[in-house]
Amino acid sequence: MKSTVRVQLSVMMFLEYFVWGAWYVTMATYMGEHLHATGIQIGAAYSALAIATMISPFFVGMIADKYFAAQRIMGVLHIVGGALLLLATTIENSTTFYWVILFYSLLYMPTIALSNSIAFHQMTDPGKQFPWVRVFGTLGWIVAGVLIGTLGIEKTSSTFYMAAAVSVVLGLMSFILPSTPPRKNADASASKALGTDAFVLFKEKPYLIFFVAAILVCIPLSFYYGFANKFLNELNFDNAAGKMTLGQVSEAVFILAIPFLFNSIGVKNMLLMGMAAWILRYVCFAYGDTGANAWMLYAGIILHGVCYDFFFVTGYMYTEKKAGEKIKNSAQGLFTFATYGVGMFIGTWFSGRIVDMYQVGENHNWLKIWFVPAYIAAAVVVYFILFFREKKQIAAAG
């Protein structure tokens, strides 16, 4: 791969995830400040991405891959998406805001797969080259959070303006990215897009147990994604958005440990460590404050690396090993559909209701709120320990 192409792809990934990080993390805080939204309404807005995650495989697999050059359709989606983010700043009620965010999410989520397709198409050795390009996406998310915190705009509509501007820039840039032509012989069936070929994996009880656990663990995950920034701002935690990027830094660090631990301690222990970290994170949030226990807030944020990497990244690796070469793409698609689609949809619906249940005036009883996802994560851990019985350790690739 030429160095100029590598730079183009790295910038593409940086901007792709900058856009997401610029509006997504602080949306709950914005909705509470400007739309006076309830927890249910905030949860519904976050569920928009879950709905889009379930729909986007059909769009990419059945339409984009077969009929359009990936870079061109990504350009159109980002330009229109930027206009919708600007429109979102003019909305004054939560119901209309939800529909704008849903429409935007339906445009944005396919660009994740499209950006990956563009990158893979240009690579001679994706296994070695893709991680070094994709890491710029994590960097983009971090820079977005740092900028928001530094500029002091996380409670304002400026986060959407920032995301909209970068989205349009990426949209225009997409038209000069290396060409990724449509796949004329692509299998465009609905079942292929959903990944039903991978249903055969459910014949193995250990994988079925893991799959169910993966959906359930998205419920506590939704509490963090949807309400952590609002919680930190309610505590008057200074520069909350900027400090939350420590979670992405942690994610980048802990992912390096996965290949070694995956081989040495086995998949079950890796998954259990990830789920146990969710319990610890929410206990830290429950008892953390901006005084003597401020370290607990930092700990809850930094634990994101273990929470995410040790369960979801390990889960993707486990899925690929169980699926094998023939159905690995279908298996990964099904895993994403079930977790970030179905699981997150359930989680956002549930978390919004719990937050409303413990609202006290303008504030919330966060001690009680954070113990709900902690209890759920603990229940998933118990379920996993009791029923997951992998006959042999799954070795990591390479």
Protein backbone atom coordinates (compact mmCIF):
# COMPACT_ATOMS: atom_id res chain seq x y z
CA MET A 1 0.00 0.00 0.00
CA LYS A 2 1.40 3.39 -1.00
CA SER A 3 2.18 5.90 1.73
CA THR A 4 -0.16 8.49 0.15
CA VAL A 5 -3.02 5.99 0.26
CA ARG A 6 -2.19 5.11 3.87
CA VAL A 7 -2.39 8.82 4.79
CA GLN A 8 -5.74 9.20 3.00
CA LEU A 9 -7.21 6.19 4.77
CA SER A 10 -5.88 7.32 8.16
CA VAL A 11 -7.43 10.78 7.75
CA MET A 12 -10.68 9.14 6.66
CA MET A 13 -10.78 7.03 9.83
CA PHE A 14 -9.84 10.01 12.01
CA LEU A 15 -12.71 12.12 10.63
CA GLU A 16 -15.17 9.21 10.61
CA TYR A 17 -14.92 8.68 14.35
CA PHE A 18 -14.38 12.36 15.18
CA VAL A 19 -17.88 12.99 13.85
CA TRP A 20 -19.37 10.25 16.02
CA GLY A 21 -17.50 11.26 19.17
CA ALA A 22 -18.32 14.95 18.72
CA TRP A 23 -22.09 14.63 19.24
CA TYR A 24 -22.76 11.18 20.69
CA VAL A 25 -21.02 11.40 24.08
CA THR A 26 -22.65 14.67 25.14
CA MET A 27 -26.08 14.26 23.53
CA ALA A 28 -27.79 13.35 26.82
CA THR A 29 -26.38 16.47 28.50
CA TYR A 30 -27.52 18.62 25.56
CA MET A 31 -31.00 17.13 25.58
CA GLY A 32 -31.35 17.68 29.32
CA GLU A 33 -30.12 21.28 29.14
CA HIS A 34 -31.91 22.50 26.02
CA LEU A 35 -34.86 20.16 25.47
CA HIS A 36 -35.57 19.33 29.13
CA ALA A 37 -35.73 15.72 28.02
CA THR A 38 -36.68 12.86 30.32
CA GLY A 39 -34.56 9.75 30.75
CA ILE A 40 -36.93 7.84 28.49
CA GLN A 41 -36.56 10.46 25.75
CA ILE A 42 -32.77 10.43 26.06
CA GLY A 43 -32.76 6.62 25.98
CA ALA A 44 -34.92 6.71 22.85
CA ALA A 45 -32.48 9.08 21.13
CA TYR A 46 -29.60 6.72 21.88
CA SER A 47 -31.66 3.78 20.65
CA ALA A 48 -31.64 5.43 17.22
CA LEU A 49 -28.12 4.16 16.61
CA ALA A 50 -29.16 0.68 17.68
CA ILE A 51 -32.01 0.72 15.18
CA ALA A 52 -29.64 1.99 12.49
CA THR A 53 -27.16 -0.77 13.37
CA MET A 54 -29.84 -3.37 12.70
CA ILE A 55 -30.83 -1.80 9.38
CA SER A 56 -27.46 -0.72 7.95
CA PRO A 57 -26.27 -4.27 7.04
CA PHE A 58 -29.22 -4.57 4.66
CA PHE A 59 -28.43 -1.19 3.07
CA VAL A 60 -24.72 -1.93 2.68
CA GLY A 61 -25.07 -5.58 1.75
CA MET A 62 -28.07 -5.35 -0.56
CA ILE A 63 -27.66 -1.91 -2.16
CA ALA A 64 -24.35 -0.11 -1.58
CA ASP A 65 -21.98 -3.02 -2.19
CA LYS A 66 -23.74 -4.06 -5.38
CA TYR A 67 -24.66 -0.82 -7.13
CA PHE A 68 -22.43 2.05 -5.96
CA ALA A 69 -18.77 2.89 -5.50
CA ALA A 70 -18.24 2.89 -1.74
CA GLN A 71 -16.39 6.23 -1.57
CA ARG A 72 -19.10 8.07 -3.50
CA ILE A 73 -22.05 6.84 -1.50
CA MET A 74 -20.13 7.53 1.71
CA GLY A 75 -19.57 11.09 0.49
CA VAL A 76 -23.27 11.65 -0.13
CA LEU A 77 -24.27 10.13 3.23
CA HIS A 78 -21.84 12.35 5.17
CA ILE A 79 -22.87 15.55 3.39
CA VAL A 80 -26.58 14.92 3.96
CA GLY A 81 -25.77 13.77 7.50
CA GLY A 82 -24.00 17.07 8.19
CA ALA A 83 -27.13 18.95 7.14
CA LEU A 84 -29.22 16.85 9.54
CA LEU A 85 -26.86 17.56 12.43
CA LEU A 86 -27.32 21.28 11.75
CA LEU A 87 -31.07 20.75 11.65
CA ALA A 88 -30.92 19.04 15.05
CA THR A 89 -29.70 22.28 16.66
CA THR A 90 -32.91 24.06 15.61
CA ILE A 91 -35.26 21.49 17.19
CA GLU A 92 -36.98 22.51 20.40
CA ASN A 93 -38.81 19.34 21.46
CA SER A 94 -37.52 15.85 22.17
CA THR A 95 -39.94 13.98 19.93
CA THR A 96 -38.92 15.82 16.77
CA PHE A 97 -35.27 15.65 17.87
CA TYR A 98 -35.57 11.85 18.10
CA TRP A 99 -36.75 11.57 14.49
CA VAL A 100 -33.94 13.79 13.23
CA ILE A 101 -31.34 11.73 15.13
CA LEU A 102 -32.91 8.49 13.87
CA PHE A 103 -32.75 9.69 10.27
CA TYR A 104 -29.17 10.85 10.80
CA SER A 105 -28.19 7.53 12.37
CA LEU A 106 -29.64 5.66 9.39
CA LEU A 107 -27.25 7.66 7.21
CA TYR A 108 -24.21 7.50 9.49
CA MET A 109 -24.06 3.85 10.53
CA PRO A 110 -23.60 2.49 6.97
CA THR A 111 -20.52 4.70 6.64
CA ILE A 112 -18.75 2.61 9.29
CA ALA A 113 -18.92 -0.47 7.05
CA LEU A 114 -18.22 1.61 3.94
CA SER A 115 -15.07 3.15 5.45
CA ASN A 116 -13.86 -0.33 6.36
CA SER A 117 -14.57 -1.55 2.82
CA ILE A 118 -12.64 1.36 1.32
CA ALA A 119 -9.68 0.63 3.60
CA PHE A 120 -9.63 -3.14 3.03
CA HIS A 121 -9.90 -2.72 -0.74
CA GLN A 122 -6.63 -0.77 -0.83
CA MET A 123 -4.63 -3.05 1.46
CA THR A 124 -2.24 -5.77 0.41
CA ASP A 125 -2.05 -7.26 3.93
CA PRO A 126 -5.18 -6.19 5.89
CA GLY A 127 -4.23 -8.20 8.96
CA LYS A 128 -1.12 -6.08 9.50
CA GLN A 129 -2.15 -2.82 7.84
CA PHE A 130 -5.73 -2.27 9.02
CA PRO A 131 -5.02 -1.87 12.78
CA TRP A 132 -2.54 0.93 12.06
CA VAL A 133 -5.16 2.74 9.98
CA ARG A 134 -8.11 2.03 12.30
CA VAL A 135 -6.27 3.38 15.35
CA PHE A 136 -6.69 6.85 13.85
CA GLY A 137 -10.43 6.41 14.37
CA THR A 138 -9.88 6.04 18.11
CA LEU A 139 -7.59 9.08 17.97
CA GLY A 140 -10.34 11.04 16.21
CA TRP A 141 -12.83 10.21 18.97
CA ILE A 142 -10.27 11.29 21.61
CA VAL A 143 -9.48 14.59 19.86
CA ALA A 144 -13.21 15.38 19.55
CA GLY A 145 -13.69 14.91 23.29
CA VAL A 146 -10.59 16.92 24.19
CA LEU A 147 -11.69 19.80 21.95
CA ILE A 148 -15.19 19.84 23.41
CA GLY A 149 -13.82 19.87 26.94
CA THR A 150 -11.14 22.48 26.19
CA LEU A 151 -13.60 24.80 24.46
CA GLY A 152 -16.19 24.29 27.21
CA ILE A 153 -19.01 23.54 24.76
CA GLU A 154 -20.31 20.15 25.93
CA LYS A 155 -23.62 21.62 27.15
CA THR A 156 -24.18 23.63 23.97
CA SER A 157 -25.28 23.02 20.39
CA SER A 158 -21.71 23.74 19.27
CA THR A 159 -20.94 20.02 19.53
CA PHE A 160 -23.44 19.41 16.72
CA TYR A 161 -22.01 22.27 14.67
CA MET A 162 -18.54 20.77 15.06
CA ALA A 163 -19.75 17.32 14.06
CA ALA A 164 -21.70 18.74 11.10
CA ALA A 165 -18.72 20.69 9.76
CA VAL A 166 -16.39 17.69 9.96
CA SER A 167 -19.07 15.44 8.43
CA VAL A 168 -19.32 17.72 5.39
CA VAL A 169 -15.51 17.89 5.10
CA LEU A 170 -15.33 14.09 5.18
CA GLY A 171 -18.17 13.90 2.66
CA LEU A 172 -16.32 16.10 0.20
CA MET A 173 -13.03 14.31 0.85
CA SER A 174 -14.70 10.96 0.16
CA PHE A 175 -15.03 11.79 -3.54
CA ILE A 176 -11.23 11.91 -3.88
CA LEU A 177 -10.55 8.74 -1.89
CA PRO A 178 -9.15 5.72 -3.77
CA SER A 179 -11.86 4.07 -5.83
CA THR A 180 -13.73 1.13 -4.34
CA PRO A 181 -16.08 -0.06 -7.12
CA PRO A 182 -19.30 -1.97 -6.49
CA ARG A 183 -19.10 -5.74 -6.29
CA LYS A 184 -21.19 -6.86 -9.23
CA ASN A 185 -21.31 -10.46 -8.04
CA ALA A 186 -22.13 -9.59 -4.42
CA ASP A 187 -24.71 -11.80 -2.73
CA ALA A 188 -27.50 -9.29 -2.10
CA SER A 189 -29.96 -11.49 -0.23
CA ALA A 190 -31.50 -10.35 3.04
CA SER A 191 -30.38 -13.51 4.81
CA LYS A 192 -26.78 -12.95 3.71
CA ALA A 193 -26.88 -9.34 4.95
CA LEU A 194 -28.23 -10.45 8.33
CA GLY A 195 -25.68 -13.23 8.67
CA THR A 196 -28.09 -16.15 9.01
CA ASP A 197 -25.39 -18.45 7.65
CA ALA A 198 -23.84 -18.17 11.10
CA PHE A 199 -26.89 -19.62 12.88
CA VAL A 200 -25.10 -22.95 12.66
CA LEU A 201 -22.87 -21.73 15.51
CA PHE A 202 -25.82 -21.96 17.90
CA LYS A 203 -25.65 -25.75 17.69
CA GLU A 204 -22.66 -25.45 20.00
CA LYS A 205 -23.97 -24.72 23.50
CA PRO A 206 -20.90 -22.72 24.68
CA TYR A 207 -21.25 -20.25 21.83
CA LEU A 208 -25.00 -19.93 22.37
CA ILE A 209 -24.41 -19.17 26.07
CA PHE A 210 -21.81 -16.55 25.11
CA PHE A 211 -24.11 -15.03 22.47
CA VAL A 212 -26.95 -14.56 24.97
CA ALA A 213 -24.51 -13.08 27.51
CA ALA A 214 -23.27 -10.63 24.87
CA ILE A 215 -26.80 -9.33 24.30
CA LEU A 216 -27.49 -9.04 28.03
CA VAL A 217 -24.24 -7.21 28.82
CA CYS A 218 -25.30 -4.46 26.39
CA ILE A 219 -27.86 -3.37 29.00
CA PRO A 220 -25.21 -2.08 31.46
CA LEU A 221 -23.22 -0.83 28.47
CA SER A 222 -26.17 1.40 27.52
CA PHE A 223 -26.14 3.10 30.90
CA TYR A 224 -22.57 4.26 30.32
CA TYR A 225 -22.96 5.40 26.73
CA GLY A 226 -26.26 7.16 27.37
CA PHE A 227 -25.87 8.73 30.79
CA ALA A 228 -22.24 8.88 31.96
CA ASN A 229 -21.65 12.40 30.60
CA LYS A 230 -24.94 13.67 32.05
CA PHE A 231 -24.04 12.10 35.41
CA LEU A 232 -20.58 13.69 35.47
CA ASN A 233 -21.97 17.10 34.56
CA GLU A 234 -24.63 16.80 37.24
CA LEU A 235 -21.79 16.27 39.73
CA ASN A 236 -20.07 19.38 38.28
CA PHE A 237 -17.12 17.24 37.23
CA ASP A 238 -14.91 19.72 35.39
CA ASN A 239 -14.24 19.07 31.68
CA ALA A 240 -16.25 15.84 31.73
CA ALA A 241 -16.16 15.26 27.97
CA GLY A 242 -12.41 15.72 27.81
CA LYS A 243 -11.77 13.43 30.76
CA MET A 244 -14.06 10.76 29.34
CA THR A 245 -11.59 10.33 26.48
CA LEU A 246 -9.38 8.56 29.03
CA GLY A 247 -11.72 5.64 28.33
CA GLN A 248 -10.60 5.57 24.69
CA VAL A 249 -6.95 5.88 25.72
CA SER A 250 -7.51 2.93 28.05
CA GLU A 251 -9.19 1.03 25.21
CA ALA A 252 -6.15 1.55 22.97
CA VAL A 253 -3.79 0.36 25.72
CA PHE A 254 -5.69 -2.72 26.87
CA ILE A 255 -6.30 -3.99 23.36
CA LEU A 256 -2.56 -4.62 23.11
CA ALA A 257 -2.81 -7.13 25.98
CA ILE A 258 -5.54 -9.23 24.39
CA PRO A 259 -3.42 -11.47 22.11
CA PHE A 260 -1.20 -12.49 25.03
CA LEU A 261 -3.99 -13.05 27.57
CA PHE A 262 -6.22 -14.78 25.00
CA ASN A 263 -3.59 -17.49 24.65
CA SER A 264 -2.51 -17.73 28.27
CA ILE A 265 -5.73 -17.55 30.33
CA GLY A 266 -8.37 -18.59 27.80
CA VAL A 267 -11.51 -17.04 26.39
CA LYS A 268 -13.75 -17.71 29.39
CA ASN A 269 -11.51 -15.87 31.83
CA MET A 270 -11.07 -12.99 29.39
CA LEU A 271 -14.83 -12.58 29.02
CA LEU A 272 -15.36 -12.84 32.77
CA MET A 273 -12.74 -10.14 33.40
CA GLY A 274 -14.56 -7.87 30.97
CA MET A 275 -17.94 -8.41 32.62
CA ALA A 276 -16.53 -8.08 36.13
CA ALA A 277 -15.05 -4.72 35.12
CA TRP A 278 -18.57 -3.48 34.39
CA ILE A 279 -19.57 -4.23 37.99
CA LEU A 280 -16.52 -2.45 39.36
CA ARG A 281 -17.07 0.53 37.06
CA TYR A 282 -20.61 1.16 38.26
CA VAL A 283 -19.67 0.72 41.91
CA CYS A 284 -17.01 3.40 41.36
CA PHE A 285 -19.59 5.70 39.76
CA ALA A 286 -22.10 5.04 42.55
CA TYR A 287 -19.70 6.15 45.29
CA GLY A 288 -17.58 8.63 43.35
CA ASP A 289 -17.76 12.40 43.83
CA THR A 290 -15.75 15.51 43.00
CA GLY A 291 -14.10 15.55 46.44
CA ALA A 292 -12.05 12.88 48.16
CA ASN A 293 -13.57 10.13 46.00
CA ALA A 294 -12.86 11.80 42.67
CA TRP A 295 -10.40 8.97 41.95
CA MET A 296 -13.39 6.63 41.72
CA LEU A 297 -14.83 8.67 38.85
CA TYR A 298 -11.51 8.46 37.01
CA ALA A 299 -11.34 4.74 37.73
CA GLY A 300 -14.84 4.21 36.32
CA ILE A 301 -13.84 6.01 33.12
CA ILE A 302 -10.48 4.28 32.70
CA LEU A 303 -12.06 0.85 33.23
CA HIS A 304 -13.67 1.31 29.81
CA GLY A 305 -10.65 -0.36 28.22
CA VAL A 306 -11.17 -3.57 30.19
CA CYS A 307 -14.97 -3.39 29.90
CA TYR A 308 -14.97 -3.04 26.14
CA ASP A 309 -11.81 -4.80 24.97
CA PHE A 310 -11.95 -7.84 27.22
CA PHE A 311 -15.55 -8.61 26.34
CA PHE A 312 -16.37 -7.22 22.91
CA VAL A 313 -12.98 -7.40 21.17
CA THR A 314 -12.41 -10.83 22.72
CA GLY A 315 -15.95 -11.73 21.64
CA TYR A 316 -15.20 -10.82 18.03
CA MET A 317 -12.04 -12.94 18.16
CA TYR A 318 -13.92 -15.86 19.73
CA THR A 319 -16.65 -15.57 17.10
CA GLU A 320 -14.15 -15.60 14.26
CA LYS A 321 -12.39 -18.68 15.62
CA LYS A 322 -15.63 -20.58 16.11
CA ALA A 323 -16.95 -19.61 12.68
CA GLY A 324 -13.91 -20.40 10.56
CA GLU A 325 -13.03 -18.92 7.19
CA LYS A 326 -16.25 -19.84 5.36
CA ILE A 327 -18.80 -18.01 7.50
CA LYS A 328 -16.65 -15.60 9.54
CA ASN A 329 -18.06 -12.49 7.84
CA SER A 330 -21.62 -13.64 8.45
CA ALA A 331 -20.78 -14.50 12.05
CA GLN A 332 -19.25 -11.08 12.73
CA GLY A 333 -22.23 -9.37 11.14
CA LEU A 334 -24.64 -11.41 13.24
CA PHE A 335 -22.69 -10.65 16.42
CA THR A 336 -22.77 -6.91 15.68
CA PHE A 337 -26.49 -7.04 14.81
CA ALA A 338 -27.28 -8.83 18.08
CA THR A 339 -25.12 -6.68 20.39
CA TYR A 340 -25.02 -3.14 19.04
CA GLY A 341 -28.43 -3.62 17.47
CA VAL A 342 -30.76 -5.76 19.56
CA GLY A 343 -28.82 -5.58 22.83
CA MET A 344 -28.28 -1.83 22.73
CA PHE A 345 -31.91 -1.22 21.76
CA ILE A 346 -33.08 -3.14 24.83
CA GLY A 347 -30.46 -1.40 26.96
CA THR A 348 -31.33 2.15 25.87
CA TRP A 349 -35.03 1.50 26.42
CA PHE A 350 -34.40 0.09 29.89
CA SER A 351 -31.77 2.60 31.06
CA GLY A 352 -33.97 5.60 30.24
CA ARG A 353 -36.75 4.25 32.42
CA ILE A 354 -34.42 3.55 35.33
CA VAL A 355 -32.97 7.08 35.17
CA ASP A 356 -36.48 8.57 35.28
CA MET A 357 -37.46 6.29 38.14
CA TYR A 358 -34.74 7.78 40.36
CA GLN A 359 -35.10 11.43 39.38
CA VAL A 360 -35.32 13.82 42.35
CA GLY A 361 -36.33 17.29 41.21
CA GLU A 362 -33.82 18.46 38.61
CA ASN A 363 -31.24 15.90 39.73
CA HIS A 364 -31.03 12.12 40.06
CA ASN A 365 -30.20 9.57 42.73
CA TRP A 366 -27.16 8.24 40.89
CA LEU A 367 -26.20 5.89 43.72
CA LYS A 368 -29.34 3.85 43.07
CA ILE A 369 -29.16 4.28 39.30
CA TRP A 370 -25.62 2.91 38.96
CA PHE A 371 -26.34 -0.10 41.11
CA VAL A 372 -28.98 -1.28 38.60
CA PRO A 373 -26.46 -1.95 35.77
CA ALA A 374 -24.03 -3.30 38.37
CA TYR A 375 -26.61 -5.88 39.48
CA ILE A 376 -27.38 -6.78 35.86
CA ALA A 377 -23.70 -7.25 35.05
CA ALA A 378 -23.33 -9.41 38.17
CA ALA A 379 -26.28 -11.55 37.08
CA VAL A 380 -24.69 -12.04 33.64
CA VAL A 381 -21.42 -13.07 35.31
CA VAL A 382 -23.25 -15.68 37.44
CA TYR A 383 -25.12 -16.96 34.37
CA PHE A 384 -21.87 -17.18 32.42
CA ILE A 385 -20.00 -19.02 35.18
CA LEU A 386 -22.80 -21.55 35.63
CA PHE A 387 -23.45 -22.39 32.01
CA PHE A 388 -20.42 -21.59 29.85
CA ARG A 389 -18.35 -24.75 29.39
CA GLU A 390 -15.82 -24.42 26.58
CA LYS A 391 -14.20 -27.81 26.00
CA LYS A 392 -10.85 -26.41 24.98
CA GLN A 393 -9.11 -23.07 25.00
CA ILE A 394 -9.52 -21.07 21.81
CA ALA A 395 -6.13 -19.90 20.65
CA ALA A 396 -5.61 -16.47 19.19
CA ALA A 397 -4.81 -15.96 15.55
CA GLY A 398 -1.19 -15.86 14.61
